[in-house]
Amino acid sequence: MSRTLWIVLGVIVSVAIAWFVVDLVFSVVWFVVKLAIVAVVAVVVFFALRSWLGRSGDRREVER
């Protein structure tokens, strides 16, 4: 009977540790995906602003 109790406790602890590890991995993966999306949007906004400001400003005044 004692051996069965240790097996049940081992299974419960294993499931709890696995739950924590999977949650941690998904959090890290979601953070990386979110970071990649932010980087892509930032690059698009940067080039859009550069294009928009490049057309409206006078470049001759800046360049010598």
N, C-alpha and C. Protein backbone atom coordinates (compact mmCIF):
# COMPACT_ATOMS: atom_id res chain seq x y z
N MET A 1 0.82 -1.20 0.00
CA MET A 1 0.00 0.00 0.00
C MET A 1 0.86 1.26 0.00
N SER A 2 1.96 1.25 0.70
CA SER A 2 2.83 2.40 0.78
C SER A 2 3.45 2.72 -0.57
N ARG A 3 3.78 1.67 -1.32
CA ARG A 3 4.37 1.87 -2.65
C ARG A 3 3.38 2.53 -3.60
N THR A 4 2.14 2.15 -3.53
CA THR A 4 1.10 2.74 -4.37
C THR A 4 0.93 4.22 -4.04
N LEU A 5 1.00 4.56 -2.77
CA LEU A 5 0.87 5.95 -2.36
C LEU A 5 2.00 6.78 -2.95
N TRP A 6 3.24 6.26 -2.91
CA TRP A 6 4.39 6.98 -3.47
C TRP A 6 4.25 7.14 -4.99
N ILE A 7 3.71 6.13 -5.64
CA ILE A 7 3.51 6.22 -7.09
C ILE A 7 2.48 7.30 -7.41
N VAL A 8 1.40 7.34 -6.67
CA VAL A 8 0.36 8.35 -6.90
C VAL A 8 0.92 9.75 -6.63
N LEU A 9 1.67 9.90 -5.54
CA LEU A 9 2.28 11.20 -5.24
C LEU A 9 3.30 11.58 -6.32
N GLY A 10 4.07 10.62 -6.80
CA GLY A 10 5.02 10.88 -7.88
C GLY A 10 4.34 11.34 -9.15
N VAL A 11 3.22 10.71 -9.48
CA VAL A 11 2.47 11.11 -10.67
C VAL A 11 1.93 12.53 -10.51
N ILE A 12 1.41 12.84 -9.34
CA ILE A 12 0.86 14.18 -9.11
C ILE A 12 1.96 15.24 -9.20
N VAL A 13 3.11 14.97 -8.58
CA VAL A 13 4.23 15.91 -8.64
C VAL A 13 4.73 16.04 -10.08
N SER A 14 4.80 14.93 -10.81
CA SER A 14 5.25 14.98 -12.21
C SER A 14 4.31 15.82 -13.06
N VAL A 15 3.02 15.66 -12.86
CA VAL A 15 2.05 16.45 -13.63
C VAL A 15 2.16 17.92 -13.27
N ALA A 16 2.36 18.24 -12.00
CA ALA A 16 2.49 19.64 -11.58
C ALA A 16 3.74 20.27 -12.18
N ILE A 17 4.86 19.55 -12.15
CA ILE A 17 6.10 20.08 -12.74
C ILE A 17 5.95 20.24 -14.24
N ALA A 18 5.35 19.25 -14.90
CA ALA A 18 5.14 19.35 -16.35
C ALA A 18 4.23 20.52 -16.70
N TRP A 19 3.21 20.75 -15.89
CA TRP A 19 2.29 21.87 -16.12
C TRP A 19 3.05 23.19 -16.04
N PHE A 20 3.91 23.33 -15.03
CA PHE A 20 4.70 24.55 -14.86
C PHE A 20 5.67 24.74 -16.03
N VAL A 21 6.35 23.67 -16.44
CA VAL A 21 7.32 23.77 -17.53
C VAL A 21 6.63 24.13 -18.84
N VAL A 22 5.51 23.50 -19.13
CA VAL A 22 4.78 23.80 -20.36
C VAL A 22 4.26 25.23 -20.35
N ASP A 23 3.75 25.68 -19.21
CA ASP A 23 3.29 27.07 -19.08
C ASP A 23 4.43 28.04 -19.31
N LEU A 24 5.59 27.74 -18.75
CA LEU A 24 6.77 28.59 -18.93
C LEU A 24 7.21 28.62 -20.39
N VAL A 25 7.23 27.46 -21.04
CA VAL A 25 7.65 27.40 -22.45
C VAL A 25 6.68 28.18 -23.33
N PHE A 26 5.37 28.02 -23.10
CA PHE A 26 4.40 28.76 -23.90
C PHE A 26 4.50 30.26 -23.66
N SER A 27 4.81 30.67 -22.44
CA SER A 27 4.97 32.09 -22.15
C SER A 27 6.18 32.66 -22.90
N VAL A 28 7.27 31.92 -22.91
CA VAL A 28 8.47 32.37 -23.62
C VAL A 28 8.22 32.41 -25.11
N VAL A 29 7.56 31.38 -25.65
CA VAL A 29 7.28 31.35 -27.09
C VAL A 29 6.35 32.50 -27.47
N TRP A 30 5.32 32.77 -26.67
CA TRP A 30 4.40 33.86 -26.96
C TRP A 30 5.14 35.20 -26.91
N PHE A 31 6.06 35.36 -25.95
CA PHE A 31 6.84 36.59 -25.86
C PHE A 31 7.70 36.78 -27.12
N VAL A 32 8.32 35.71 -27.59
CA VAL A 32 9.16 35.80 -28.79
C VAL A 32 8.31 36.13 -30.02
N VAL A 33 7.14 35.51 -30.13
CA VAL A 33 6.25 35.81 -31.26
C VAL A 33 5.78 37.25 -31.20
N LYS A 34 5.41 37.71 -30.02
CA LYS A 34 4.97 39.10 -29.85
C LYS A 34 6.10 40.07 -30.19
N LEU A 35 7.31 39.74 -29.76
CA LEU A 35 8.47 40.57 -30.06
C LEU A 35 8.73 40.63 -31.57
N ALA A 36 8.57 39.52 -32.25
CA ALA A 36 8.77 39.49 -33.71
C ALA A 36 7.71 40.34 -34.41
N ILE A 37 6.47 40.25 -33.96
CA ILE A 37 5.39 41.04 -34.57
C ILE A 37 5.66 42.53 -34.35
N VAL A 38 6.07 42.91 -33.15
CA VAL A 38 6.38 44.31 -32.86
C VAL A 38 7.54 44.80 -33.73
N ALA A 39 8.55 43.96 -33.92
CA ALA A 39 9.69 44.35 -34.76
C ALA A 39 9.26 44.57 -36.20
N VAL A 40 8.42 43.71 -36.74
CA VAL A 40 7.95 43.86 -38.12
C VAL A 40 7.13 45.13 -38.26
N VAL A 41 6.22 45.37 -37.32
CA VAL A 41 5.39 46.58 -37.39
C VAL A 41 6.26 47.83 -37.24
N ALA A 42 7.26 47.79 -36.38
CA ALA A 42 8.14 48.94 -36.20
C ALA A 42 8.93 49.24 -37.48
N VAL A 43 9.39 48.20 -38.16
CA VAL A 43 10.11 48.41 -39.43
C VAL A 43 9.19 49.02 -40.48
N VAL A 44 7.97 48.51 -40.57
CA VAL A 44 7.00 49.05 -41.54
C VAL A 44 6.70 50.52 -41.22
N VAL A 45 6.47 50.82 -39.95
CA VAL A 45 6.17 52.21 -39.57
C VAL A 45 7.38 53.11 -39.83
N PHE A 46 8.58 52.60 -39.54
CA PHE A 46 9.79 53.39 -39.77
C PHE A 46 9.92 53.76 -41.24
N PHE A 47 9.76 52.78 -42.14
CA PHE A 47 9.89 53.08 -43.57
C PHE A 47 8.75 53.93 -44.08
N ALA A 48 7.55 53.76 -43.51
CA ALA A 48 6.43 54.61 -43.91
C ALA A 48 6.68 56.06 -43.51
N LEU A 49 7.14 56.27 -42.28
CA LEU A 49 7.45 57.63 -41.83
C LEU A 49 8.61 58.22 -42.61
N ARG A 50 9.61 57.42 -42.89
CA ARG A 50 10.76 57.90 -43.67
C ARG A 50 10.34 58.31 -45.08
N SER A 51 9.47 57.51 -45.66
CA SER A 51 8.98 57.84 -46.99
C SER A 51 8.11 59.09 -46.96
N TRP A 52 7.24 59.18 -45.98
CA TRP A 52 6.33 60.31 -45.88
C TRP A 52 7.08 61.60 -45.58
N LEU A 53 8.03 61.54 -44.66
CA LEU A 53 8.78 62.75 -44.32
C LEU A 53 9.79 63.10 -45.40
N GLY A 54 10.26 62.13 -46.13
CA GLY A 54 11.21 62.38 -47.20
C GLY A 54 10.58 63.14 -48.36
N ARG A 55 9.32 62.89 -48.60
CA ARG A 55 8.63 63.58 -49.71
C ARG A 55 8.25 65.01 -49.35
N SER A 56 7.85 65.21 -48.09
CA SER A 56 7.35 66.54 -47.72
C SER A 56 8.47 67.51 -47.37
N GLY A 57 9.60 67.01 -46.92
CA GLY A 57 10.69 67.90 -46.53
C GLY A 57 11.57 68.25 -47.72
N ASP A 58 12.31 69.32 -47.61
CA ASP A 58 13.23 69.73 -48.67
C ASP A 58 14.61 69.15 -48.37
N ARG A 59 15.06 68.23 -49.20
CA ARG A 59 16.33 67.56 -48.96
C ARG A 59 17.54 68.43 -49.30
N ARG A 60 17.38 69.40 -50.16
CA ARG A 60 18.50 70.24 -50.55
C ARG A 60 19.01 71.05 -49.38
N GLU A 61 18.10 71.39 -48.49
CA GLU A 61 18.48 72.17 -47.34
C GLU A 61 19.35 71.36 -46.36
N VAL A 62 19.08 70.07 -46.27
CA VAL A 62 19.81 69.21 -45.34
C VAL A 62 21.13 68.79 -45.96
N GLU A 63 21.12 68.39 -47.21
CA GLU A 63 22.34 67.92 -47.88
C GLU A 63 23.17 69.11 -48.36
N ARG A 64 24.47 69.00 -48.24
CA ARG A 64 25.33 70.08 -48.71
C ARG A 64 26.38 69.57 -49.62
